[in-house]
Amino acid sequence: EGALLLSATGQEELCIENYKGILEYEDSFIRVQTKTCRIRITGVRLAIDYYTNEEMKITGSIDTIEYEN
């Protein structure tokens, strides 16, 4: 329960569930804090479509999804 869940639909849409906060937000990268790690998404024309307390949806041309300790 409460584990990080990433759902990618192709290369253009990413849903993140159970995150804690948005650390950085640019159109070329987004960094997100989760309970256990940080995630860095890089790409082109990245945008956060929406976010709630539980989930967010990122769209754009996603190149990488990296886990940072």
N, C-alpha and C. Protein backbone atom coordinates (compact mmCIF):
# COMPACT_ATOMS: atom_id res chain seq x y z
N GLU A 1 0.84 -1.20 0.00
CA GLU A 1 0.00 0.00 0.00
C GLU A 1 0.87 1.24 0.00
N GLY A 2 0.50 2.21 -0.82
CA GLY A 2 1.25 3.44 -0.89
C GLY A 2 2.53 3.35 -1.70
N ALA A 3 2.75 2.23 -2.40
CA ALA A 3 3.96 2.09 -3.21
C ALA A 3 3.85 2.94 -4.46
N LEU A 4 5.00 3.38 -4.94
CA LEU A 4 5.06 4.16 -6.16
C LEU A 4 4.55 3.32 -7.32
N LEU A 5 3.72 3.93 -8.17
CA LEU A 5 3.21 3.24 -9.36
C LEU A 5 3.39 4.16 -10.55
N LEU A 6 4.15 3.69 -11.53
CA LEU A 6 4.36 4.42 -12.78
C LEU A 6 3.64 3.69 -13.90
N SER A 7 2.85 4.41 -14.68
CA SER A 7 2.16 3.82 -15.82
C SER A 7 2.49 4.66 -17.04
N ALA A 8 3.24 4.06 -17.97
CA ALA A 8 3.60 4.77 -19.20
C ALA A 8 2.71 4.28 -20.33
N THR A 9 2.14 5.23 -21.07
CA THR A 9 1.38 4.90 -22.27
C THR A 9 2.21 5.39 -23.44
N GLY A 10 2.93 4.46 -24.07
CA GLY A 10 3.84 4.85 -25.13
C GLY A 10 4.94 5.72 -24.58
N GLN A 11 5.40 6.66 -25.40
CA GLN A 11 6.49 7.56 -25.01
C GLN A 11 5.96 8.96 -24.71
N GLU A 12 4.65 9.12 -24.71
CA GLU A 12 4.10 10.46 -24.64
C GLU A 12 3.23 10.73 -23.41
N GLU A 13 3.06 9.73 -22.55
CA GLU A 13 2.18 9.93 -21.40
C GLU A 13 2.67 9.08 -20.24
N LEU A 14 2.76 9.69 -19.06
CA LEU A 14 3.22 8.98 -17.87
C LEU A 14 2.32 9.37 -16.70
N CYS A 15 1.77 8.37 -16.02
CA CYS A 15 1.00 8.62 -14.81
C CYS A 15 1.83 8.14 -13.63
N ILE A 16 1.91 8.98 -12.59
CA ILE A 16 2.64 8.65 -11.38
C ILE A 16 1.65 8.67 -10.23
N GLU A 17 1.56 7.56 -9.51
CA GLU A 17 0.69 7.48 -8.34
C GLU A 17 1.52 7.34 -7.08
N ASN A 18 0.99 7.87 -5.99
CA ASN A 18 1.62 7.81 -4.67
C ASN A 18 2.95 8.57 -4.62
N TYR A 19 2.94 9.80 -5.14
CA TYR A 19 4.11 10.66 -5.02
C TYR A 19 3.90 11.63 -3.86
N LYS A 20 4.97 12.27 -3.44
CA LYS A 20 4.88 13.21 -2.32
C LYS A 20 4.90 14.66 -2.77
N GLY A 21 5.70 14.97 -3.79
CA GLY A 21 5.79 16.36 -4.22
C GLY A 21 6.57 16.53 -5.50
N ILE A 22 6.43 17.72 -6.10
CA ILE A 22 7.15 18.08 -7.31
C ILE A 22 8.35 18.92 -6.87
N LEU A 23 9.56 18.46 -7.20
CA LEU A 23 10.79 19.15 -6.79
C LEU A 23 11.21 20.20 -7.82
N GLU A 24 11.20 19.84 -9.09
CA GLU A 24 11.57 20.76 -10.16
C GLU A 24 10.67 20.49 -11.36
N TYR A 25 10.37 21.55 -12.10
CA TYR A 25 9.46 21.41 -13.23
C TYR A 25 9.90 22.36 -14.33
N GLU A 26 10.49 21.80 -15.37
CA GLU A 26 10.88 22.54 -16.56
C GLU A 26 10.28 21.80 -17.75
N ASP A 27 10.36 22.40 -18.94
CA ASP A 27 9.79 21.69 -20.10
C ASP A 27 10.72 20.58 -20.61
N SER A 28 11.95 20.51 -20.06
CA SER A 28 12.88 19.45 -20.49
C SER A 28 13.11 18.40 -19.41
N PHE A 29 12.73 18.69 -18.16
CA PHE A 29 12.83 17.67 -17.11
C PHE A 29 11.90 18.00 -15.96
N ILE A 30 11.47 16.94 -15.28
CA ILE A 30 10.60 17.06 -14.10
C ILE A 30 11.17 16.12 -13.05
N ARG A 31 11.34 16.63 -11.83
CA ARG A 31 11.81 15.79 -10.72
C ARG A 31 10.70 15.69 -9.69
N VAL A 32 10.44 14.45 -9.25
CA VAL A 32 9.33 14.17 -8.35
C VAL A 32 9.87 13.42 -7.13
N GLN A 33 9.41 13.81 -5.95
CA GLN A 33 9.77 13.10 -4.71
C GLN A 33 8.70 12.06 -4.41
N THR A 34 9.16 10.82 -4.12
CA THR A 34 8.24 9.79 -3.67
C THR A 34 8.61 9.43 -2.24
N LYS A 35 7.94 8.48 -1.67
CA LYS A 35 8.23 8.10 -0.28
C LYS A 35 9.62 7.51 -0.13
N THR A 36 10.10 6.82 -1.17
CA THR A 36 11.36 6.08 -1.03
C THR A 36 12.49 6.61 -1.91
N CYS A 37 12.20 7.42 -2.92
CA CYS A 37 13.24 7.89 -3.83
C CYS A 37 12.76 9.13 -4.56
N ARG A 38 13.63 9.60 -5.46
CA ARG A 38 13.24 10.68 -6.36
C ARG A 38 13.25 10.13 -7.78
N ILE A 39 12.39 10.67 -8.61
CA ILE A 39 12.32 10.26 -10.01
C ILE A 39 12.59 11.49 -10.86
N ARG A 40 13.39 11.31 -11.90
CA ARG A 40 13.68 12.39 -12.85
C ARG A 40 13.22 11.93 -14.22
N ILE A 41 12.33 12.70 -14.81
CA ILE A 41 11.81 12.43 -16.15
C ILE A 41 12.42 13.48 -17.07
N THR A 42 13.05 13.05 -18.15
CA THR A 42 13.60 13.99 -19.12
C THR A 42 12.91 13.79 -20.46
N GLY A 43 12.87 14.86 -21.24
CA GLY A 43 12.24 14.79 -22.54
C GLY A 43 12.10 16.17 -23.16
N VAL A 44 11.15 16.29 -24.06
CA VAL A 44 10.91 17.53 -24.80
C VAL A 44 9.45 17.92 -24.63
N ARG A 45 9.20 19.20 -24.40
CA ARG A 45 7.84 19.74 -24.24
C ARG A 45 7.07 18.99 -23.15
N LEU A 46 7.74 18.70 -22.04
CA LEU A 46 7.08 18.02 -20.94
C LEU A 46 6.11 18.97 -20.24
N ALA A 47 4.98 18.44 -19.85
CA ALA A 47 3.98 19.24 -19.15
C ALA A 47 3.26 18.34 -18.15
N ILE A 48 2.92 18.93 -17.02
CA ILE A 48 2.07 18.22 -16.06
C ILE A 48 0.63 18.56 -16.41
N ASP A 49 -0.08 17.58 -16.97
CA ASP A 49 -1.46 17.78 -17.39
C ASP A 49 -2.36 18.10 -16.20
N TYR A 50 -2.22 17.29 -15.16
CA TYR A 50 -2.97 17.52 -13.94
C TYR A 50 -2.27 16.81 -12.81
N TYR A 51 -2.57 17.22 -11.58
CA TYR A 51 -2.09 16.48 -10.42
C TYR A 51 -3.07 16.63 -9.28
N THR A 52 -3.18 15.56 -8.50
CA THR A 52 -4.00 15.55 -7.30
C THR A 52 -3.08 15.13 -6.16
N ASN A 53 -3.62 14.92 -5.00
CA ASN A 53 -2.80 14.44 -3.88
C ASN A 53 -2.26 13.04 -4.13
N GLU A 54 -2.92 12.27 -4.98
CA GLU A 54 -2.52 10.87 -5.20
C GLU A 54 -1.76 10.64 -6.49
N GLU A 55 -2.10 11.37 -7.55
CA GLU A 55 -1.50 11.05 -8.84
C GLU A 55 -1.27 12.29 -9.68
N MET A 56 -0.40 12.13 -10.68
CA MET A 56 -0.19 13.18 -11.67
C MET A 56 -0.01 12.55 -13.03
N LYS A 57 -0.28 13.35 -14.05
CA LYS A 57 -0.13 12.89 -15.42
C LYS A 57 0.82 13.85 -16.14
N ILE A 58 1.88 13.28 -16.70
CA ILE A 58 2.87 14.04 -17.45
C ILE A 58 2.75 13.67 -18.92
N THR A 59 2.74 14.69 -19.77
CA THR A 59 2.68 14.45 -21.21
C THR A 59 3.85 15.15 -21.89
N GLY A 60 4.12 14.78 -23.11
CA GLY A 60 5.23 15.31 -23.89
C GLY A 60 5.98 14.16 -24.52
N SER A 61 7.17 14.44 -25.02
CA SER A 61 8.01 13.40 -25.61
C SER A 61 9.00 12.95 -24.53
N ILE A 62 8.72 11.83 -23.89
CA ILE A 62 9.50 11.37 -22.75
C ILE A 62 10.69 10.56 -23.25
N ASP A 63 11.90 10.97 -22.82
CA ASP A 63 13.12 10.26 -23.22
C ASP A 63 13.57 9.27 -22.16
N THR A 64 13.66 9.70 -20.91
CA THR A 64 14.15 8.81 -19.85
C THR A 64 13.33 8.97 -18.57
N ILE A 65 13.29 7.91 -17.80
CA ILE A 65 12.72 7.90 -16.45
C ILE A 65 13.81 7.32 -15.56
N GLU A 66 14.37 8.14 -14.66
CA GLU A 66 15.48 7.70 -13.81
C GLU A 66 15.09 7.73 -12.36
N TYR A 67 15.62 6.78 -11.61
CA TYR A 67 15.44 6.76 -10.16
C TYR A 67 16.68 7.31 -9.51
N GLU A 68 16.50 8.24 -8.56
CA GLU A 68 17.62 8.81 -7.80
C GLU A 68 17.41 8.46 -6.33
N ASN A 69 18.50 8.14 -5.64
CA ASN A 69 18.39 7.86 -4.20
C ASN A 69 18.44 9.14 -3.39
